[in-house]
C-alpha atoms as a PDB file:
ATOM      1  CA  UNK A   1     -33.472 -14.002  12.485  1.00  0.00           C
ATOM      2  CA  UNK A   2     -30.402 -10.913  11.201  1.00  0.00           C
ATOM      3  CA  UNK A   3     -28.169 -11.846   8.723  1.00  0.00           C
ATOM      4  CA  UNK A   4     -25.229  -9.232  10.026  1.00  0.00           C
ATOM      5  CA  UNK A   5     -23.119 -12.080  11.719  1.00  0.00           C
ATOM      6  CA  UNK A   6     -22.719 -13.762   7.993  1.00  0.00           C
ATOM      7  CA  UNK A   7     -20.414 -10.170   7.362  1.00  0.00           C
ATOM      8  CA  UNK A   8     -16.972 -11.415   7.605  1.00  0.00           C
ATOM      9  CA  UNK A   9     -14.781  -9.043   5.383  1.00  0.00           C
ATOM     10  CA  UNK A  10     -13.511  -6.565   8.422  1.00  0.00           C
ATOM     11  CA  UNK A  11     -10.943  -4.317   6.990  1.00  0.00           C
ATOM     12  CA  UNK A  12     -14.069  -3.646   3.511  1.00  0.00           C
ATOM     13  CA  UNK A  13     -17.402  -1.291   4.575  1.00  0.00           C
ATOM     14  CA  UNK A  14     -20.482  -2.618   4.636  1.00  0.00           C
ATOM     15  CA  UNK A  15     -23.392  -0.869   2.796  1.00  0.00           C
ATOM     16  CA  UNK A  16     -27.041  -0.479   3.936  1.00  0.00           C
ATOM     17  CA  UNK A  17     -30.031  -0.251   1.572  1.00  0.00           C
ATOM     18  CA  UNK A  18     -32.877   0.561   3.514  1.00  0.00           C
ATOM     19  CA  UNK A  19     -36.758   0.494   2.294  1.00  0.00           C
ATOM     20  CA  UNK A  20     -39.684  -0.303   2.415  1.00  0.00           C
ATOM     21  CA  UNK A  21     -39.069  -2.560  -1.369  1.00  0.00           C
ATOM     22  CA  UNK A  22     -42.918  -2.053  -2.200  1.00  0.00           C
ATOM     23  CA  UNK A  23     -42.164  -4.209  -4.723  1.00  0.00           C
ATOM     24  CA  UNK A  24     -37.918  -4.524  -4.455  1.00  0.00           C
ATOM     25  CA  UNK A  25     -37.292  -3.766  -8.478  1.00  0.00           C
ATOM     26  CA  UNK A  26     -34.575  -3.867 -10.600  1.00  0.00           C
ATOM     27  CA  UNK A  27     -33.513  -0.576  -9.786  1.00  0.00           C
ATOM     28  CA  UNK A  28     -32.862  -0.866  -6.339  1.00  0.00           C
ATOM     29  CA  UNK A  29     -29.872  -4.070  -7.765  1.00  0.00           C
ATOM     30  CA  UNK A  30     -28.939  -1.653 -10.040  1.00  0.00           C
ATOM     31  CA  UNK A  31     -27.676   0.314  -7.181  1.00  0.00           C
ATOM     32  CA  UNK A  32     -26.919  -1.892  -4.757  1.00  0.00           C
ATOM     33  CA  UNK A  33     -25.070  -3.487  -7.619  1.00  0.00           C
ATOM     34  CA  UNK A  34     -22.944  -0.294  -9.201  1.00  0.00           C
ATOM     35  CA  UNK A  35     -22.460   0.470  -4.707  1.00  0.00           C
ATOM     36  CA  UNK A  36     -20.457  -2.833  -4.874  1.00  0.00           C
ATOM     37  CA  UNK A  37     -18.369  -2.579  -7.655  1.00  0.00           C
ATOM     38  CA  UNK A  38     -17.613   1.541  -7.129  1.00  0.00           C
ATOM     39  CA  UNK A  39     -17.291   1.856  -3.855  1.00  0.00           C
ATOM     40  CA  UNK A  40     -15.306  -1.262  -2.582  1.00  0.00           C
ATOM     41  CA  UNK A  41     -17.798  -2.404  -0.601  1.00  0.00           C
ATOM     42  CA  UNK A  42     -17.383  -6.121   1.025  1.00  0.00           C
ATOM     43  CA  UNK A  43     -21.507  -6.417   0.325  1.00  0.00           C
ATOM     44  CA  UNK A  44     -24.271  -4.652   1.216  1.00  0.00           C
ATOM     45  CA  UNK A  45     -27.273  -5.698   3.701  1.00  0.00           C
ATOM     46  CA  UNK A  46     -30.632  -4.745   2.755  1.00  0.00           C
ATOM     47  CA  UNK A  47     -32.690  -3.315   5.537  1.00  0.00           C
ATOM     48  CA  UNK A  48     -36.554  -3.212   4.364  1.00  0.00           C
ATOM     49  CA  UNK A  49     -38.496  -1.229   6.187  1.00  0.00           C
ATOM     50  CA  UNK A  50     -41.588  -2.414   8.772  1.00  0.00           C
ATOM     51  CA  UNK A  51     -43.554   0.853   8.994  1.00  0.00           C
ATOM     52  CA  UNK A  52     -41.758   4.027   7.630  1.00  0.00           C
ATOM     53  CA  UNK A  53     -43.369   6.795   9.854  1.00  0.00           C
ATOM     54  CA  UNK A  54     -42.849   9.663   6.539  1.00  0.00           C
ATOM     55  CA  UNK A  55     -44.636   7.932   4.217  1.00  0.00           C
ATOM     56  CA  UNK A  56     -47.885   6.017   3.407  1.00  0.00           C
ATOM     57  CA  UNK A  57     -48.613   2.035   5.261  1.00  0.00           C
ATOM     58  CA  UNK A  58     -47.252  -0.229   1.967  1.00  0.00           C
ATOM     59  CA  UNK A  59     -49.210  -1.696   0.133  1.00  0.00           C
ATOM     60  CA  UNK A  60     -48.095  -5.469   0.394  1.00  0.00           C
ATOM     61  CA  UNK A  61     -47.902  -6.831   4.453  1.00  0.00           C
ATOM     62  CA  UNK A  62     -44.966  -6.723   5.385  1.00  0.00           C
ATOM     63  CA  UNK A  63     -44.291 -11.073   4.578  1.00  0.00           C
ATOM     64  CA  UNK A  64     -44.516 -10.892   1.373  1.00  0.00           C
ATOM     65  CA  UNK A  65     -42.383  -7.667   0.963  1.00  0.00           C
ATOM     66  CA  UNK A  66     -39.840  -9.638   2.816  1.00  0.00           C
ATOM     67  CA  UNK A  67     -40.897 -12.709   0.413  1.00  0.00           C
ATOM     68  CA  UNK A  68     -39.346 -10.461  -2.302  1.00  0.00           C
ATOM     69  CA  UNK A  69     -36.513  -9.309  -1.153  1.00  0.00           C
ATOM     70  CA  UNK A  70     -35.392 -12.615  -0.045  1.00  0.00           C
ATOM     71  CA  UNK A  71     -35.926 -13.644  -3.941  1.00  0.00           C
ATOM     72  CA  UNK A  72     -34.006 -10.766  -5.742  1.00  0.00           C
ATOM     73  CA  UNK A  73     -31.049 -10.932  -3.978  1.00  0.00           C
ATOM     74  CA  UNK A  74     -30.851 -15.042  -3.311  1.00  0.00           C
ATOM     75  CA  UNK A  75     -28.443 -15.289  -5.830  1.00  0.00           C
ATOM     76  CA  UNK A  76     -26.426 -12.979  -5.290  1.00  0.00           C
ATOM     77  CA  UNK A  77     -22.881 -14.302  -3.045  1.00  0.00           C
ATOM     78  CA  UNK A  78     -22.255 -10.496  -1.345  1.00  0.00           C
ATOM     79  CA  UNK A  79     -26.480  -9.600  -0.797  1.00  0.00           C
ATOM     80  CA  UNK A  80     -27.830 -10.326   2.565  1.00  0.00           C
ATOM     81  CA  UNK A  81     -30.986  -9.463   4.008  1.00  0.00           C
ATOM     82  CA  UNK A  82     -31.891  -8.357   7.700  1.00  0.00           C
ATOM     83  CA  UNK A  83     -35.241  -8.597   8.892  1.00  0.00           C
ATOM     84  CA  UNK A  84     -35.275  -7.023  11.416  1.00  0.00           C
ATOM     85  CA  UNK A  85     -36.776  -3.701  10.570  1.00  0.00           C
ATOM     86  CA  UNK A  86     -39.492  -5.430   8.858  1.00  0.00           C
ATOM     87  CA  UNK A  87     -40.560  -7.284  12.314  1.00  0.00           C
ATOM     88  CA  UNK A  88     -40.818  -4.108  13.885  1.00  0.00           C
ATOM     89  CA  UNK A  89     -44.554  -3.468  14.533  1.00  0.00           C
ATOM     90  CA  UNK A  90     -43.811   0.041  15.949  1.00  0.00           C
ATOM     91  CA  UNK A  91     -42.505   2.780  13.105  1.00  0.00           C
ATOM     92  CA  UNK A  92     -38.310   2.773  12.094  1.00  0.00           C
ATOM     93  CA  UNK A  93     -36.687   5.658  12.466  1.00  0.00           C
ATOM     94  CA  UNK A  94     -32.379   4.882  10.868  1.00  0.00           C
ATOM     95  CA  UNK A  95     -30.602   6.732  13.385  1.00  0.00           C
ATOM     96  CA  UNK A  96     -32.603   4.008  16.300  1.00  0.00           C
ATOM     97  CA  UNK A  97     -31.709   1.371  13.064  1.00  0.00           C
ATOM     98  CA  UNK A  98     -27.505   2.721  12.298  1.00  0.00           C
ATOM     99  CA  UNK A  99     -27.225   2.525  16.536  1.00  0.00           C
ATOM    100  CA  UNK A 100     -28.572  -1.160  16.161  1.00  0.00           C
ATOM    101  CA  UNK A 101     -26.317  -2.676  13.946  1.00  0.00           C
ATOM    102  CA  UNK A 102     -22.956  -0.376  15.521  1.00  0.00           C
ATOM    103  CA  UNK A 103     -24.432  -3.155  18.385  1.00  0.00           C
ATOM    104  CA  UNK A 104     -24.298  -6.275  17.077  1.00  0.00           C
ATOM    105  CA  UNK A 105     -20.524  -5.373  14.466  1.00  0.00           C
ATOM    106  CA  UNK A 106     -19.025  -3.183  16.820  1.00  0.00           C
ATOM    107  CA  UNK A 107     -18.269   0.301  16.503  1.00  0.00           C
ATOM    108  CA  UNK A 108     -14.724   0.477  14.187  1.00  0.00           C
ATOM    109  CA  UNK A 109     -16.561  -1.565  10.833  1.00  0.00           C
ATOM    110  CA  UNK A 110     -17.692   1.325   8.011  1.00  0.00           C
ATOM    111  CA  UNK A 111     -20.893   1.286   7.540  1.00  0.00           C
ATOM    112  CA  UNK A 112     -21.849   3.171   3.858  1.00  0.00           C
ATOM    113  CA  UNK A 113     -25.791   3.885   4.829  1.00  0.00           C
ATOM    114  CA  UNK A 114     -26.723   4.017   0.287  1.00  0.00           C
ATOM    115  CA  UNK A 115     -29.632   6.300  -0.753  1.00  0.00           C
ATOM    116  CA  UNK A 116     -30.448   7.726  -4.586  1.00  0.00           C
ATOM    117  CA  UNK A 117     -29.877  11.607  -4.960  1.00  0.00           C
ATOM    118  CA  UNK A 118     -33.021  12.849  -4.651  1.00  0.00           C
ATOM    119  CA  UNK A 119     -33.213  11.562  -0.581  1.00  0.00           C
ATOM    120  CA  UNK A 120     -30.054  12.905   0.031  1.00  0.00           C
ATOM    121  CA  UNK A 121     -31.009  16.428  -1.152  1.00  0.00           C
ATOM    122  CA  UNK A 122     -34.166  15.145   1.201  1.00  0.00           C
ATOM    123  CA  UNK A 123     -32.107  14.808   4.568  1.00  0.00           C
ATOM    124  CA  UNK A 124     -32.590  17.203   6.750  1.00  0.00           C
ATOM    125  CA  UNK A 125     -36.509  16.326   6.764  1.00  0.00           C
ATOM    126  CA  UNK A 126     -34.682  12.991   7.989  1.00  0.00           C
ATOM    127  CA  UNK A 127     -35.481  12.419  12.683  1.00  0.00           C
ATOM    128  CA  UNK A 128     -31.365  13.071  14.449  1.00  0.00           C
ATOM    129  CA  UNK A 129     -29.971  13.518  10.796  1.00  0.00           C
ATOM    130  CA  UNK A 130     -27.440  14.526  11.840  1.00  0.00           C
ATOM    131  CA  UNK A 131     -26.171  12.422  14.157  1.00  0.00           C
ATOM    132  CA  UNK A 132     -25.896   9.317  11.210  1.00  0.00           C
ATOM    133  CA  UNK A 133     -22.856  11.184  10.499  1.00  0.00           C
ATOM    134  CA  UNK A 134     -21.740   9.937  13.464  1.00  0.00           C
ATOM    135  CA  UNK A 135     -23.058   6.240  12.824  1.00  0.00           C
ATOM    136  CA  UNK A 136     -22.070   5.544   9.498  1.00  0.00           C
ATOM    137  CA  UNK A 137     -20.975   6.819   5.960  1.00  0.00           C
ATOM    138  CA  UNK A 138     -23.758   8.171   2.907  1.00  0.00           C
ATOM    139  CA  UNK A 139     -23.194   6.926  -0.515  1.00  0.00           C
ATOM    140  CA  UNK A 140     -25.201   8.472  -2.891  1.00  0.00           C
ATOM    141  CA  UNK A 141     -26.217   7.029  -6.049  1.00  0.00           C
ATOM    142  CA  UNK A 142     -26.256  10.527  -8.821  1.00  0.00           C
ATOM    143  CA  UNK A 143     -28.072  11.002 -11.581  1.00  0.00           C
ATOM    144  CA  UNK A 144     -28.039  14.290 -14.183  1.00  0.00           C
ATOM    145  CA  UNK A 145     -31.610  15.011 -12.839  1.00  0.00           C
ATOM    146  CA  UNK A 146     -30.089  15.412  -8.584  1.00  0.00           C
ATOM    147  CA  UNK A 147     -27.261  17.646  -9.718  1.00  0.00           C
ATOM    148  CA  UNK A 148     -24.647  16.626  -6.344  1.00  0.00           C
ATOM    149  CA  UNK A 149     -23.920  20.716  -5.756  1.00  0.00           C
ATOM    150  CA  UNK A 150     -23.891  22.741  -2.570  1.00  0.00           C
ATOM    151  CA  UNK A 151     -25.771  24.960  -4.502  1.00  0.00           C
ATOM    152  CA  UNK A 152     -28.827  22.723  -4.729  1.00  0.00           C
ATOM    153  CA  UNK A 153     -28.487  21.404  -1.094  1.00  0.00           C
ATOM    154  CA  UNK A 154     -30.690  23.081   2.145  1.00  0.00           C
ATOM    155  CA  UNK A 155     -28.332  25.319   3.497  1.00  0.00           C
ATOM    156  CA  UNK A 156     -27.024  23.094   6.295  1.00  0.00           C
ATOM    157  CA  UNK A 157     -27.009  20.307   4.103  1.00  0.00           C
ATOM    158  CA  UNK A 158     -24.124  22.128   1.759  1.00  0.00           C
ATOM    159  CA  UNK A 159     -22.389  22.727   5.433  1.00  0.00           C
ATOM    160  CA  UNK A 160     -22.246  19.025   6.117  1.00  0.00           C
ATOM    161  CA  UNK A 161     -21.620  17.970   2.388  1.00  0.00           C
ATOM    162  CA  UNK A 162     -18.604  20.703   1.744  1.00  0.00           C
ATOM    163  CA  UNK A 163     -16.967  19.539   4.938  1.00  0.00           C
ATOM    164  CA  UNK A 164     -18.001  15.552   4.296  1.00  0.00           C
ATOM    165  CA  UNK A 165     -16.940  14.434   0.687  1.00  0.00           C
ATOM    166  CA  UNK A 166     -14.599  12.580  -0.265  1.00  0.00           C
ATOM    167  CA  UNK A 167     -13.020   9.809  -2.739  1.00  0.00           C
ATOM    168  CA  UNK A 168     -14.685   5.970  -2.001  1.00  0.00           C
ATOM    169  CA  UNK A 169     -10.675   5.164  -1.021  1.00  0.00           C
ATOM    170  CA  UNK A 170     -11.539   7.830   2.092  1.00  0.00           C
ATOM    171  CA  UNK A 171     -14.431   4.858   3.612  1.00  0.00           C
ATOM    172  CA  UNK A 172     -12.234   2.650   4.445  1.00  0.00           C
ATOM    173  CA  UNK A 173     -10.258   5.408   6.712  1.00  0.00           C
ATOM    174  CA  UNK A 174     -12.527   5.351   9.494  1.00  0.00           C
ATOM    175  CA  UNK A 175     -15.737   4.128  10.320  1.00  0.00           C
ATOM    176  CA  UNK A 176     -18.982   6.560   9.646  1.00  0.00           C
ATOM    177  CA  UNK A 177     -18.179  10.878   8.763  1.00  0.00           C
ATOM    178  CA  UNK A 178     -17.599  10.476   4.331  1.00  0.00           C
ATOM    179  CA  UNK A 179     -20.131  11.379   2.293  1.00  0.00           C
ATOM    180  CA  UNK A 180     -19.591   9.934  -1.559  1.00  0.00           C
ATOM    181  CA  UNK A 181     -21.597   9.596  -4.713  1.00  0.00           C
ATOM    182  CA  UNK A 182     -21.258   7.371  -7.579  1.00  0.00           C
ATOM    183  CA  UNK A 183     -22.999   7.487 -10.752  1.00  0.00           C
ATOM    184  CA  UNK A 184     -25.949   5.223 -11.880  1.00  0.00           C
ATOM    185  CA  UNK A 185     -25.521   5.417 -16.143  1.00  0.00           C
ATOM    186  CA  UNK A 186     -29.003   3.333 -16.286  1.00  0.00           C
ATOM    187  CA  UNK A 187     -32.298   4.178 -16.168  1.00  0.00           C
ATOM    188  CA  UNK A 188     -34.528   4.673 -13.725  1.00  0.00           C
ATOM    189  CA  UNK A 189     -37.476   2.741 -11.757  1.00  0.00           C
ATOM    190  CA  UNK A 190     -39.874   4.023  -9.427  1.00  0.00           C
ATOM    191  CA  UNK A 191     -42.768   1.422  -8.190  1.00  0.00           C
ATOM    192  CA  UNK A 192     -45.041   3.758  -8.168  1.00  0.00           C
ATOM    193  CA  UNK A 193     -44.289   3.162 -11.688  1.00  0.00           C
ATOM    194  CA  UNK A 194     -44.079  -0.626 -11.403  1.00  0.00           C
ATOM    195  CA  UNK A 195     -47.283  -1.012  -9.207  1.00  0.00           C
ATOM    196  CA  UNK A 196     -49.370   0.806 -11.972  1.00  0.00           C
ATOM    197  CA  UNK A 197     -48.038  -1.099 -14.225  1.00  0.00           C
ATOM    198  CA  UNK A 198     -49.460  -4.276 -12.305  1.00  0.00           C
ATOM    199  CA  UNK A 199     -52.182  -2.762 -11.797  1.00  0.00           C
ATOM    200  CA  UNK A 200     -52.987  -1.924 -15.287  1.00  0.00           C
ATOM    201  CA  UNK A 201     -51.651  -5.203 -16.279  1.00  0.00           C
ATOM    202  CA  UNK A 202     -49.279  -4.623 -18.702  1.00  0.00           C
ATOM    203  CA  UNK A 203     -45.313  -6.155 -19.283  1.00  0.00           C
ATOM    204  CA  UNK A 204     -43.589  -5.238 -15.999  1.00  0.00           C
ATOM    205  CA  UNK A 205     -40.914  -7.801 -16.328  1.00  0.00           C
ATOM    206  CA  UNK A 206     -38.390  -5.757 -17.439  1.00  0.00           C
ATOM    207  CA  UNK A 207     -39.327  -3.813 -14.376  1.00  0.00           C
ATOM    208  CA  UNK A 208     -39.220  -6.816 -11.925  1.00  0.00           C
ATOM    209  CA  UNK A 209     -36.307 -10.023 -11.129  1.00  0.00           C
ATOM    210  CA  UNK A 210     -38.811 -13.450 -12.065  1.00  0.00           C
ATOM    211  CA  UNK A 211     -38.442 -15.000  -9.210  1.00  0.00           C
ATOM    212  CA  UNK A 212     -40.032 -11.306  -8.267  1.00  0.00           C
ATOM    213  CA  UNK A 213     -42.954 -11.313 -10.783  1.00  0.00           C
ATOM    214  CA  UNK A 214     -43.780 -14.798 -10.350  1.00  0.00           C
ATOM    215  CA  UNK A 215     -44.269 -14.284  -6.662  1.00  0.00           C
ATOM    216  CA  UNK A 216     -46.146 -11.030  -6.856  1.00  0.00           C
ATOM    217  CA  UNK A 217     -47.971 -13.229  -9.426  1.00  0.00           C
ATOM    218  CA  UNK A 218     -49.134 -16.102  -7.317  1.00  0.00           C
ATOM    219  CA  UNK A 219     -50.192 -14.147  -3.958  1.00  0.00           C
ATOM    220  CA  UNK A 220     -52.014 -11.584  -6.273  1.00  0.00           C
ATOM    221  CA  UNK A 221     -50.771  -8.584  -4.736  1.00  0.00           C
ATOM    222  CA  UNK A 222     -50.890  -5.066  -5.926  1.00  0.00           C
ATOM    223  CA  UNK A 223     -53.755  -6.191  -8.808  1.00  0.00           C
ATOM    224  CA  UNK A 224     -56.178  -4.094  -7.507  1.00  0.00           C
END
């Protein structure tokens, strides 16, 4: 069941962190922690994807990916997991997911869709991408390797960025439509890299939360 009913701090934005989480790793957790701190979020709602439409099917089954996200976030009082998307058998899109959350949380609560700068630079390829701005703010985790300058963006996206970009304080002034960015100083890691290490049997303990690594070993995930 969804945990959206437990989100109770009305005047603070809620961060939304979606992904396949195949598997969830330390870079996901760092992004969520920094978003909480730098953007003044009340909580981060983790939303594992079931059948993403824009990439190959995840290697781990939905029940395993949901279990791993639940284990990774269990000790944090401001992390919640929403399982509605991962239990959906049809390919999911971001706009319908946000519309579902709006039905649950109302039109006035600020929602912040969290993503990396690399994902933001490809936003114009998303389904109904312009409608994202009527449903949520966008919080971009930026790194030097993905500069957030209009010159690095497609023209349509650069126009939206210049019109909507603002400071974190702007997130509380309206429910949606602002673009903010926040720096991530720590190094990054990809799920592809984690899976490669697991297949090769090399150490991955610094890349995965301990309960997640234990779960992967117990269920023989990503081993071949």
